[in-house]
Amino acid sequence: MTPSAERPVLWMGSSRKDLRAFPRQVRRDIGKALYAAQQGEIDPAAKALKGFGGGSVLEIITDQHGDTWRTVYVVRFKAAI
């Protein structure tokens, strides 16, 4: 995808605020994976979320200091992530 075709991230409810409360490195890892999604790619940290059939709902998983952090996003909409 070209930069002009980059899809914006639309945040639902308190998701953006919640993400900002995550540790710095976790935010960076998730941000990197979301940026890849905006470019039409799938980051290695993102996997299809089980139980939703197919790959339109993905989960980013990152580990930091013995804790696991998860973020879910949808890619089935053409206009946004």
PDB file of N, CA and C in Angstrom:
ATOM      1  N   MET A   1       0.830  -1.184   0.000  1.00  0.00           N
ATOM      2  CA  MET A   1       0.000   0.000   0.000  1.00  0.00           C
ATOM      3  C   MET A   1       0.875   1.247   0.000  1.00  0.00           C
ATOM      4  N   THR A   2       0.420   2.262  -0.672  1.00  0.00           N
ATOM      5  CA  THR A   2       1.126   3.534  -0.642  1.00  0.00           C
ATOM      6  C   THR A   2       0.737   4.296   0.609  1.00  0.00           C
ATOM      7  N   PRO A   3       1.559   5.249   1.058  1.00  0.00           N
ATOM      8  CA  PRO A   3       1.208   6.002   2.259  1.00  0.00           C
ATOM      9  C   PRO A   3      -0.175   6.637   2.196  1.00  0.00           C
ATOM     10  N   SER A   4      -0.615   7.056   1.005  1.00  0.00           N
ATOM     11  CA  SER A   4      -1.942   7.660   0.903  1.00  0.00           C
ATOM     12  C   SER A   4      -3.049   6.631   1.094  1.00  0.00           C
ATOM     13  N   ALA A   5      -2.734   5.336   0.901  1.00  0.00           N
ATOM     14  CA  ALA A   5      -3.724   4.278   1.070  1.00  0.00           C
ATOM     15  C   ALA A   5      -3.738   3.738   2.498  1.00  0.00           C
ATOM     16  N   GLU A   6      -2.902   4.301   3.347  1.00  0.00           N
ATOM     17  CA  GLU A   6      -2.831   3.846   4.737  1.00  0.00           C
ATOM     18  C   GLU A   6      -4.194   4.047   5.414  1.00  0.00           C
ATOM     19  N   ARG A   7      -4.672   2.986   6.054  1.00  0.00           N
ATOM     20  CA  ARG A   7      -5.969   3.072   6.731  1.00  0.00           C
ATOM     21  C   ARG A   7      -5.795   3.639   8.133  1.00  0.00           C
ATOM     22  N   PRO A   8      -6.689   4.522   8.542  1.00  0.00           N
ATOM     23  CA  PRO A   8      -6.599   5.059   9.903  1.00  0.00           C
ATOM     24  C   PRO A   8      -7.063   4.023  10.924  1.00  0.00           C
ATOM     25  N   VAL A   9      -6.631   4.207  12.163  1.00  0.00           N
ATOM     26  CA  VAL A   9      -7.106   3.379  13.276  1.00  0.00           C
ATOM     27  C   VAL A   9      -8.264   4.126  13.926  1.00  0.00           C
ATOM     28  N   LEU A  10      -9.412   3.494  14.015  1.00  0.00           N
ATOM     29  CA  LEU A  10     -10.556   4.071  14.716  1.00  0.00           C
ATOM     30  C   LEU A  10     -10.658   3.388  16.072  1.00  0.00           C
ATOM     31  N   TRP A  11     -10.600   4.152  17.121  1.00  0.00           N
ATOM     32  CA  TRP A  11     -10.600   3.621  18.486  1.00  0.00           C
ATOM     33  C   TRP A  11     -12.022   3.526  18.995  1.00  0.00           C
ATOM     34  N   MET A  12     -12.341   2.430  19.662  1.00  0.00           N
ATOM     35  CA  MET A  12     -13.681   2.203  20.206  1.00  0.00           C
ATOM     36  C   MET A  12     -13.673   2.386  21.721  1.00  0.00           C
ATOM     37  N   GLY A  13     -14.687   3.057  22.228  1.00  0.00           N
ATOM     38  CA  GLY A  13     -14.818   3.225  23.682  1.00  0.00           C
ATOM     39  C   GLY A  13     -13.559   3.810  24.294  1.00  0.00           C
ATOM     40  N   SER A  14     -13.081   3.177  25.342  1.00  0.00           N
ATOM     41  CA  SER A  14     -11.899   3.674  26.065  1.00  0.00           C
ATOM     42  C   SER A  14     -10.602   3.003  25.598  1.00  0.00           C
ATOM     43  N   SER A  15     -10.631   2.337  24.442  1.00  0.00           N
ATOM     44  CA  SER A  15      -9.473   1.540  24.013  1.00  0.00           C
ATOM     45  C   SER A  15      -8.189   2.362  23.882  1.00  0.00           C
ATOM     46  N   ARG A  16      -8.274   3.566  23.356  1.00  0.00           N
ATOM     47  CA  ARG A  16      -7.060   4.374  23.205  1.00  0.00           C
ATOM     48  C   ARG A  16      -6.506   4.786  24.572  1.00  0.00           C
ATOM     49  N   LYS A  17      -7.391   5.180  25.441  1.00  0.00           N
ATOM     50  CA  LYS A  17      -6.986   5.548  26.809  1.00  0.00           C
ATOM     51  C   LYS A  17      -6.399   4.333  27.525  1.00  0.00           C
ATOM     52  N   ASP A  18      -7.025   3.188  27.366  1.00  0.00           N
ATOM     53  CA  ASP A  18      -6.532   1.961  27.994  1.00  0.00           C
ATOM     54  C   ASP A  18      -5.139   1.605  27.492  1.00  0.00           C
ATOM     55  N   LEU A  19      -4.929   1.720  26.180  1.00  0.00           N
ATOM     56  CA  LEU A  19      -3.621   1.411  25.601  1.00  0.00           C
ATOM     57  C   LEU A  19      -2.546   2.352  26.149  1.00  0.00           C
ATOM     58  N   ARG A  20      -2.876   3.607  26.335  1.00  0.00           N
ATOM     59  CA  ARG A  20      -1.915   4.581  26.861  1.00  0.00           C
ATOM     60  C   ARG A  20      -1.476   4.257  28.285  1.00  0.00           C
ATOM     61  N   ALA A  21      -2.240   3.446  28.984  1.00  0.00           N
ATOM     62  CA  ALA A  21      -1.889   3.051  30.351  1.00  0.00           C
ATOM     63  C   ALA A  21      -0.936   1.844  30.369  1.00  0.00           C
ATOM     64  N   PHE A  22      -0.720   1.211  29.225  1.00  0.00           N
ATOM     65  CA  PHE A  22       0.192   0.070  29.144  1.00  0.00           C
ATOM     66  C   PHE A  22       1.636   0.560  29.306  1.00  0.00           C
ATOM     67  N   PRO A  23       2.540  -0.319  29.704  1.00  0.00           N
ATOM     68  CA  PRO A  23       3.961   0.056  29.773  1.00  0.00           C
ATOM     69  C   PRO A  23       4.489   0.525  28.413  1.00  0.00           C
ATOM     70  N   ARG A  24       5.490   1.374  28.447  1.00  0.00           N
ATOM     71  CA  ARG A  24       6.032   1.994  27.235  1.00  0.00           C
ATOM     72  C   ARG A  24       6.406   0.983  26.152  1.00  0.00           C
ATOM     73  N   GLN A  25       7.158  -0.047  26.489  1.00  0.00           N
ATOM     74  CA  GLN A  25       7.579  -1.019  25.477  1.00  0.00           C
ATOM     75  C   GLN A  25       6.385  -1.773  24.902  1.00  0.00           C
ATOM     76  N   VAL A  26       5.395  -2.045  25.716  1.00  0.00           N
ATOM     77  CA  VAL A  26       4.183  -2.720  25.229  1.00  0.00           C
ATOM     78  C   VAL A  26       3.473  -1.814  24.229  1.00  0.00           C
ATOM     79  N   ARG A  27       3.357  -0.521  24.542  1.00  0.00           N
ATOM     80  CA  ARG A  27       2.740   0.429  23.610  1.00  0.00           C
ATOM     81  C   ARG A  27       3.497   0.460  22.286  1.00  0.00           C
ATOM     82  N   ARG A  28       4.820   0.417  22.356  1.00  0.00           N
ATOM     83  CA  ARG A  28       5.628   0.416  21.128  1.00  0.00           C
ATOM     84  C   ARG A  28       5.376  -0.840  20.301  1.00  0.00           C
ATOM     85  N   ASP A  29       5.364  -1.993  20.957  1.00  0.00           N
ATOM     86  CA  ASP A  29       5.119  -3.253  20.249  1.00  0.00           C
ATOM     87  C   ASP A  29       3.745  -3.249  19.583  1.00  0.00           C
ATOM     88  N   ILE A  30       2.743  -2.808  20.314  1.00  0.00           N
ATOM     89  CA  ILE A  30       1.383  -2.767  19.774  1.00  0.00           C
ATOM     90  C   ILE A  30       1.292  -1.738  18.659  1.00  0.00           C
ATOM     91  N   GLY A  31       1.914  -0.584  18.859  1.00  0.00           N
ATOM     92  CA  GLY A  31       1.916   0.451  17.828  1.00  0.00           C
ATOM     93  C   GLY A  31       2.550  -0.033  16.538  1.00  0.00           C
ATOM     94  N   LYS A  32       3.640  -0.775  16.653  1.00  0.00           N
ATOM     95  CA  LYS A  32       4.322  -1.335  15.483  1.00  0.00           C
ATOM     96  C   LYS A  32       3.386  -2.297  14.738  1.00  0.00           C
ATOM     97  N   ALA A  33       2.698  -3.130  15.470  1.00  0.00           N
ATOM     98  CA  ALA A  33       1.781  -4.094  14.856  1.00  0.00           C
ATOM     99  C   ALA A  33       0.578  -3.391  14.227  1.00  0.00           C
ATOM    100  N   LEU A  34       0.062  -2.360  14.878  1.00  0.00           N
ATOM    101  CA  LEU A  34      -1.056  -1.608  14.304  1.00  0.00           C
ATOM    102  C   LEU A  34      -0.621  -0.860  13.045  1.00  0.00           C
ATOM    103  N   TYR A  35       0.595  -0.327  13.054  1.00  0.00           N
ATOM    104  CA  TYR A  35       1.105   0.356  11.867  1.00  0.00           C
ATOM    105  C   TYR A  35       1.210  -0.621  10.697  1.00  0.00           C
ATOM    106  N   ALA A  36       1.682  -1.826  10.968  1.00  0.00           N
ATOM    107  CA  ALA A  36       1.749  -2.848   9.918  1.00  0.00           C
ATOM    108  C   ALA A  36       0.349  -3.108   9.358  1.00  0.00           C
ATOM    109  N   ALA A  37      -0.649  -3.190  10.233  1.00  0.00           N
ATOM    110  CA  ALA A  37      -2.034  -3.414   9.785  1.00  0.00           C
ATOM    111  C   ALA A  37      -2.507  -2.253   8.911  1.00  0.00           C
ATOM    112  N   GLN A  38      -2.139  -1.035   9.273  1.00  0.00           N
ATOM    113  CA  GLN A  38      -2.514   0.120   8.459  1.00  0.00           C
ATOM    114  C   GLN A  38      -1.915   0.038   7.057  1.00  0.00           C
ATOM    115  N   GLN A  39      -0.765  -0.606   6.948  1.00  0.00           N
ATOM    116  CA  GLN A  39      -0.071  -0.761   5.669  1.00  0.00           C
ATOM    117  C   GLN A  39      -0.568  -1.983   4.891  1.00  0.00           C
ATOM    118  N   GLY A  40      -1.515  -2.725   5.475  1.00  0.00           N
ATOM    119  CA  GLY A  40      -2.028  -3.920   4.814  1.00  0.00           C
ATOM    120  C   GLY A  40      -1.213  -5.163   5.099  1.00  0.00           C
ATOM    121  N   GLU A  41      -0.358  -5.102   6.112  1.00  0.00           N
ATOM    122  CA  GLU A  41       0.489  -6.233   6.481  1.00  0.00           C
ATOM    123  C   GLU A  41       0.038  -6.815   7.820  1.00  0.00           C
ATOM    124  N   ILE A  42       0.591  -7.958   8.157  1.00  0.00           N
ATOM    125  CA  ILE A  42       0.315  -8.566   9.463  1.00  0.00           C
ATOM    126  C   ILE A  42       1.641  -8.728  10.192  1.00  0.00           C
ATOM    127  N   ASP A  43       1.784  -8.084  11.320  1.00  0.00           N
ATOM    128  CA  ASP A  43       2.982  -8.175  12.148  1.00  0.00           C
ATOM    129  C   ASP A  43       3.077  -9.586  12.732  1.00  0.00           C
ATOM    130  N   PRO A  44       4.292 -10.099  12.948  1.00  0.00           N
ATOM    131  CA  PRO A  44       4.441 -11.434  13.547  1.00  0.00           C
ATOM    132  C   PRO A  44       3.779 -11.572  14.923  1.00  0.00           C
ATOM    133  N   ALA A  45       3.578 -10.455  15.639  1.00  0.00           N
ATOM    134  CA  ALA A  45       2.930 -10.508  16.958  1.00  0.00           C
ATOM    135  C   ALA A  45       1.416 -10.633  16.855  1.00  0.00           C
ATOM    136  N   ALA A  46       0.858 -10.488  15.651  1.00  0.00           N
ATOM    137  CA  ALA A  46      -0.592 -10.545  15.450  1.00  0.00           C
ATOM    138  C   ALA A  46      -1.007 -11.912  14.932  1.00  0.00           C
ATOM    139  N   LYS A  47      -2.030 -12.455  15.530  1.00  0.00           N
ATOM    140  CA  LYS A  47      -2.569 -13.763  15.137  1.00  0.00           C
ATOM    141  C   LYS A  47      -4.090 -13.654  15.059  1.00  0.00           C
ATOM    142  N   ALA A  48      -4.695 -14.491  14.234  1.00  0.00           N
ATOM    143  CA  ALA A  48      -6.152 -14.528  14.150  1.00  0.00           C
ATOM    144  C   ALA A  48      -6.727 -14.890  15.516  1.00  0.00           C
ATOM    145  N   LEU A  49      -7.729 -14.142  15.950  1.00  0.00           N
ATOM    146  CA  LEU A  49      -8.360 -14.398  17.243  1.00  0.00           C
ATOM    147  C   LEU A  49      -9.259 -15.622  17.119  1.00  0.00           C
ATOM    148  N   LYS A  50      -9.027 -16.595  17.955  1.00  0.00           N
ATOM    149  CA  LYS A  50      -9.791 -17.847  17.920  1.00  0.00           C
ATOM    150  C   LYS A  50     -11.265 -17.582  18.201  1.00  0.00           C
ATOM    151  N   GLY A  51     -12.115 -18.314  17.498  1.00  0.00           N
ATOM    152  CA  GLY A  51     -13.542 -18.221  17.720  1.00  0.00           C
ATOM    153  C   GLY A  51     -14.242 -17.191  16.849  1.00  0.00           C
ATOM    154  N   PHE A  52     -13.486 -16.463  16.014  1.00  0.00           N
ATOM    155  CA  PHE A  52     -14.096 -15.450  15.164  1.00  0.00           C
ATOM    156  C   PHE A  52     -14.040 -15.822  13.693  1.00  0.00           C
ATOM    157  N   GLY A  53     -13.524 -17.002  13.381  1.00  0.00           N
ATOM    158  CA  GLY A  53     -13.497 -17.493  12.013  1.00  0.00           C
ATOM    159  C   GLY A  53     -12.719 -16.598  11.067  1.00  0.00           C
ATOM    160  N   GLY A  54     -11.755 -17.131  10.431  1.00  0.00           N
ATOM    161  CA  GLY A  54     -10.974 -16.367   9.465  1.00  0.00           C
ATOM    162  C   GLY A  54      -9.981 -15.436  10.117  1.00  0.00           C
ATOM    163  N   GLY A  55      -9.488 -14.496   9.328  1.00  0.00           N
ATOM    164  CA  GLY A  55      -8.462 -13.592   9.822  1.00  0.00           C
ATOM    165  C   GLY A  55      -8.892 -12.147   9.851  1.00  0.00           C
ATOM    166  N   SER A  56     -10.184 -11.876  10.023  1.00  0.00           N
ATOM    167  CA  SER A  56     -10.622 -10.480  10.039  1.00  0.00           C
ATOM    168  C   SER A  56     -10.540  -9.854  11.429  1.00  0.00           C
ATOM    169  N   VAL A  57     -10.448 -10.670  12.477  1.00  0.00           N
ATOM    170  CA  VAL A  57     -10.255 -10.176  13.844  1.00  0.00           C
ATOM    171  C   VAL A  57      -8.922 -10.732  14.322  1.00  0.00           C
ATOM    172  N   LEU A  58      -8.011  -9.830  14.623  1.00  0.00           N
ATOM    173  CA  LEU A  58      -6.659 -10.246  15.016  1.00  0.00           C
ATOM    174  C   LEU A  58      -6.339  -9.795  16.431  1.00  0.00           C
ATOM    175  N   GLU A  59      -5.434 -10.520  17.042  1.00  0.00           N
ATOM    176  CA  GLU A  59      -5.002 -10.231  18.408  1.00  0.00           C
ATOM    177  C   GLU A  59      -3.488 -10.027  18.392  1.00  0.00           C
ATOM    178  N   ILE A  60      -3.059  -8.907  18.957  1.00  0.00           N
ATOM    179  CA  ILE A  60      -1.633  -8.639  19.122  1.00  0.00           C
ATOM    180  C   ILE A  60      -1.270  -9.106  20.520  1.00  0.00           C
ATOM    181  N   ILE A  61      -0.247  -9.933  20.615  1.00  0.00           N
ATOM    182  CA  ILE A  61       0.187 -10.449  21.911  1.00  0.00           C
ATOM    183  C   ILE A  61       1.636 -10.047  22.122  1.00  0.00           C
ATOM    184  N   THR A  62       1.919  -9.431  23.265  1.00  0.00           N
ATOM    185  CA  THR A  62       3.283  -9.055  23.597  1.00  0.00           C
ATOM    186  C   THR A  62       3.540  -9.355  25.072  1.00  0.00           C
ATOM    187  N   ASP A  63       4.720  -9.826  25.358  1.00  0.00           N
ATOM    188  CA  ASP A  63       5.111 -10.148  26.734  1.00  0.00           C
ATOM    189  C   ASP A  63       6.097  -9.112  27.233  1.00  0.00           C
ATOM    190  N   GLN A  64       5.943  -8.724  28.490  1.00  0.00           N
ATOM    191  CA  GLN A  64       6.825  -7.736  29.094  1.00  0.00           C
ATOM    192  C   GLN A  64       6.922  -8.015  30.585  1.00  0.00           C
ATOM    193  N   HIS A  65       8.111  -8.274  31.053  1.00  0.00           N
ATOM    194  CA  HIS A  65       8.370  -8.497  32.488  1.00  0.00           C
ATOM    195  C   HIS A  65       7.460  -9.566  33.094  1.00  0.00           C
ATOM    196  N   GLY A  66       7.270 -10.656  32.370  1.00  0.00           N
ATOM    197  CA  GLY A  66       6.482 -11.772  32.889  1.00  0.00           C
ATOM    198  C   GLY A  66       4.981 -11.619  32.735  1.00  0.00           C
ATOM    199  N   ASP A  67       4.523 -10.505  32.175  1.00  0.00           N
ATOM    200  CA  ASP A  67       3.096 -10.292  31.936  1.00  0.00           C
ATOM    201  C   ASP A  67       2.819 -10.371  30.436  1.00  0.00           C
ATOM    202  N   THR A  68       1.614 -10.781  30.090  1.00  0.00           N
ATOM    203  CA  THR A  68       1.205 -10.830  28.694  1.00  0.00           C
ATOM    204  C   THR A  68       0.156  -9.761  28.458  1.00  0.00           C
ATOM    205  N   TRP A  69       0.344  -8.985  27.415  1.00  0.00           N
ATOM    206  CA  TRP A  69      -0.561  -7.892  27.052  1.00  0.00           C
ATOM    207  C   TRP A  69      -1.208  -8.230  25.718  1.00  0.00           C
ATOM    208  N   ARG A  70      -2.500  -7.952  25.607  1.00  0.00           N
ATOM    209  CA  ARG A  70      -3.240  -8.305  24.393  1.00  0.00           C
ATOM    210  C   ARG A  70      -4.059  -7.110  23.907  1.00  0.00           C
ATOM    211  N   THR A  71      -4.109  -6.994  22.603  1.00  0.00           N
ATOM    212  CA  THR A  71      -4.917  -5.971  21.951  1.00  0.00           C
ATOM    213  C   THR A  71      -5.608  -6.634  20.771  1.00  0.00           C
ATOM    214  N   VAL A  72      -6.861  -6.299  20.555  1.00  0.00           N
ATOM    215  CA  VAL A  72      -7.634  -6.900  19.471  1.00  0.00           C
ATOM    216  C   VAL A  72      -8.011  -5.810  18.472  1.00  0.00           C
ATOM    217  N   TYR A  73      -7.903  -6.148  17.182  1.00  0.00           N
ATOM    218  CA  TYR A  73      -8.332  -5.209  16.153  1.00  0.00           C
ATOM    219  C   TYR A  73      -9.005  -5.947  15.008  1.00  0.00           C
ATOM    220  N   VAL A  74      -9.756  -5.198  14.212  1.00  0.00           N
ATOM    221  CA  VAL A  74     -10.524  -5.757  13.098  1.00  0.00           C
ATOM    222  C   VAL A  74      -9.993  -5.182  11.793  1.00  0.00           C
ATOM    223  N   VAL A  75      -9.788  -6.034  10.805  1.00  0.00           N
ATOM    224  CA  VAL A  75      -9.284  -5.586   9.512  1.00  0.00           C
ATOM    225  C   VAL A  75     -10.288  -5.790   8.373  1.00  0.00           C
ATOM    226  N   ARG A  76     -11.478  -6.201   8.672  1.00  0.00           N
ATOM    227  CA  ARG A  76     -12.424  -6.515   7.592  1.00  0.00           C
ATOM    228  C   ARG A  76     -13.050  -5.280   6.955  1.00  0.00           C
ATOM    229  N   PHE A  77     -12.901  -4.118   7.576  1.00  0.00           N
ATOM    230  CA  PHE A  77     -13.459  -2.888   7.026  1.00  0.00           C
ATOM    231  C   PHE A  77     -12.432  -2.221   6.121  1.00  0.00           C
ATOM    232  N   LYS A  78     -12.814  -1.812   4.936  1.00  0.00           N
ATOM    233  CA  LYS A  78     -11.873  -1.227   3.976  1.00  0.00           C
ATOM    234  C   LYS A  78     -11.407   0.162   4.396  1.00  0.00           C
ATOM    235  N   ALA A  79     -12.225   0.896   5.098  1.00  0.00           N
ATOM    236  CA  ALA A  79     -11.909   2.297   5.396  1.00  0.00           C
ATOM    237  C   ALA A  79     -11.010   2.491   6.613  1.00  0.00           C
ATOM    238  N   ALA A  80     -10.967   1.535   7.534  1.00  0.00           N
ATOM    239  CA  ALA A  80     -10.214   1.756   8.781  1.00  0.00           C
ATOM    240  C   ALA A  80      -9.891   0.438   9.475  1.00  0.00           C
ATOM    241  N   ILE A  81      -8.931   0.540  10.403  1.00  0.00           N
ATOM    242  CA  ILE A  81      -8.550  -0.572  11.284  1.00  0.00           C
ATOM    243  C   ILE A  81      -9.331  -0.380  12.578  1.00  0.00           C
TER     244      ILE A  81
END
